[in-house]
Amino acid sequence: MILTAPLLLSHPGKSKPIGSSALVIRSGLIIDIGSAKTLIKKHPSHQVCSFKNAVLMPGLVNAHAHLELPLLLNDIRARTLPDWVLNLLRAKKKLRIKDYAEQEFLPTPPILQQPASCGT
């Protein structure tokens, strides 16, 4: 698949942005980056997905995590955000150090096992 956009940031701070850009993905890996025109000619069998008002850039990683939340999911569900926060505070008061340690050995929640995807 070829993704195109008006701008591509490949190595922020190390290289200049690429205008009228594209990147080529094969088997889940980026195999080429450059100008859209050049890459479409170079990889004619790839499907092209164009994003007219976007910037292609490296994925961002949110390293912030709450390891205790899977343990609490059934206890903190609520209809409103304020109720959810209150339920969370109440439930966390009951947690012990042992509860946090046990989270390390639980299977990865299904949502975290899914690869990220882009829509068209």
Protein backbone atom coordinates (compact mmCIF):
# COMPACT_ATOMS: atom_id res chain seq x y z
CA MET A 1 0.00 0.00 0.00
CA ILE A 2 1.15 3.54 -0.73
CA LEU A 3 0.04 6.37 1.56
CA THR A 4 0.30 9.88 0.14
CA ALA A 5 -0.01 13.28 1.80
CA PRO A 6 1.07 16.87 1.22
CA LEU A 7 3.89 16.49 3.77
CA LEU A 8 5.98 13.69 5.29
CA LEU A 9 8.14 14.04 8.41
CA SER A 10 10.58 11.15 8.40
CA HIS A 11 13.20 12.12 10.98
CA PRO A 12 12.11 15.33 12.75
CA GLY A 13 15.18 17.41 13.51
CA LYS A 14 17.42 15.26 11.31
CA SER A 15 15.99 15.64 7.82
CA LYS A 16 13.81 18.14 6.00
CA PRO A 17 10.09 17.47 5.51
CA ILE A 18 9.19 15.95 2.13
CA GLY A 19 6.46 17.74 0.15
CA SER A 20 3.95 15.86 -2.09
CA SER A 21 5.09 12.80 -0.21
CA ALA A 22 4.39 9.10 0.11
CA LEU A 23 5.44 6.03 1.97
CA VAL A 24 5.19 2.42 0.85
CA ILE A 25 4.07 -0.32 3.22
CA ARG A 26 4.59 -4.04 2.59
CA SER A 27 3.82 -6.76 5.15
CA GLY A 28 3.31 -4.14 7.85
CA LEU A 29 6.69 -2.48 7.31
CA ILE A 30 7.57 0.85 5.70
CA ILE A 31 9.83 -0.10 2.82
CA ASP A 32 10.23 3.24 1.02
CA ILE A 33 9.61 6.96 1.49
CA GLY A 34 9.89 9.86 -0.93
CA SER A 35 7.90 11.87 -3.43
CA ALA A 36 4.45 10.51 -4.22
CA LYS A 37 4.98 10.73 -7.97
CA THR A 38 8.24 8.75 -7.83
CA LEU A 39 6.95 6.04 -5.48
CA ILE A 40 3.70 5.47 -7.39
CA LYS A 41 5.78 4.87 -10.55
CA LYS A 42 8.31 2.70 -8.67
CA HIS A 43 5.60 0.51 -7.03
CA PRO A 44 2.78 0.32 -9.64
CA SER A 45 1.09 -2.76 -8.14
CA HIS A 46 0.47 -1.11 -4.75
CA GLN A 47 -2.92 0.35 -3.82
CA VAL A 48 -2.74 4.13 -3.25
CA CYS A 49 -4.46 5.73 -0.26
CA SER A 50 -4.35 9.55 -0.43
CA PHE A 51 -4.74 11.85 2.55
CA LYS A 52 -5.26 15.34 1.14
CA ASN A 53 -5.18 17.27 4.44
CA ALA A 54 -2.68 15.25 6.48
CA VAL A 55 0.93 14.92 7.47
CA LEU A 56 2.58 11.50 7.39
CA MET A 57 4.83 11.11 10.41
CA PRO A 58 6.29 8.50 12.75
CA GLY A 59 3.84 6.91 15.16
CA LEU A 60 3.52 8.49 18.56
CA VAL A 61 3.75 6.30 21.62
CA ASN A 62 1.88 7.00 24.83
CA ALA A 63 4.11 5.49 27.49
CA HIS A 64 1.69 6.52 30.25
CA ALA A 65 -0.16 3.49 31.59
CA HIS A 66 -2.32 2.48 34.54
CA LEU A 67 -1.52 -1.17 35.13
CA GLU A 68 -4.23 -1.44 37.76
CA LEU A 69 -7.12 -0.51 35.47
CA PRO A 70 -7.77 -3.98 33.97
CA LEU A 71 -8.17 -5.28 37.51
CA LEU A 72 -10.73 -2.57 38.26
CA LEU A 73 -12.73 -2.44 35.03
CA ASN A 74 -15.80 -4.21 36.36
CA ASP A 75 -15.88 -2.06 39.51
CA ILE A 76 -15.47 1.37 37.93
CA ARG A 77 -17.96 1.32 35.04
CA ALA A 78 -20.33 4.30 35.11
CA ARG A 79 -22.69 6.30 32.91
CA THR A 80 -20.93 9.62 33.40
CA LEU A 81 -17.30 10.71 33.65
CA PRO A 82 -17.71 12.17 37.17
CA ASP A 83 -19.22 8.87 38.37
CA TRP A 84 -16.43 6.92 36.68
CA VAL A 85 -13.78 9.06 38.42
CA LEU A 86 -15.48 8.61 41.81
CA ASN A 87 -15.74 4.85 41.25
CA LEU A 88 -12.08 4.74 40.26
CA LEU A 89 -10.97 6.63 43.38
CA ARG A 90 -13.02 4.34 45.62
CA ALA A 91 -11.71 1.19 43.96
CA LYS A 92 -8.07 2.33 44.03
CA LYS A 93 -8.28 2.96 47.79
CA LYS A 94 -8.92 -0.77 48.22
CA LEU A 95 -5.87 -1.86 46.21
CA ARG A 96 -2.78 -3.29 47.86
CA ILE A 97 0.80 -3.41 46.53
CA LYS A 98 0.26 -7.11 45.80
CA ASP A 99 -2.61 -6.24 43.42
CA TYR A 100 -0.31 -4.07 41.28
CA ALA A 101 2.38 -6.77 41.18
CA GLU A 102 -0.14 -9.39 40.02
CA GLN A 103 -1.09 -7.24 37.00
CA GLU A 104 2.34 -7.87 35.49
CA PHE A 105 1.48 -11.55 34.96
CA LEU A 106 -1.98 -11.15 33.44
CA PRO A 107 -2.46 -11.60 29.67
CA THR A 108 -2.24 -8.44 27.57
CA PRO A 109 -5.72 -6.88 27.21
CA PRO A 110 -7.11 -7.56 23.70
CA ILE A 111 -7.21 -3.84 22.82
CA LEU A 112 -3.42 -3.66 23.24
CA GLN A 113 -2.87 -6.67 20.97
CA GLN A 114 -4.42 -4.99 17.93
CA PRO A 115 -2.17 -3.21 15.42
CA ALA A 116 -2.93 0.41 14.68
CA SER A 117 -4.70 1.04 11.38
CA CYS A 118 -5.44 3.98 9.16
CA GLY A 119 -8.80 4.75 7.64
CA THR A 120 -9.40 6.21 4.24
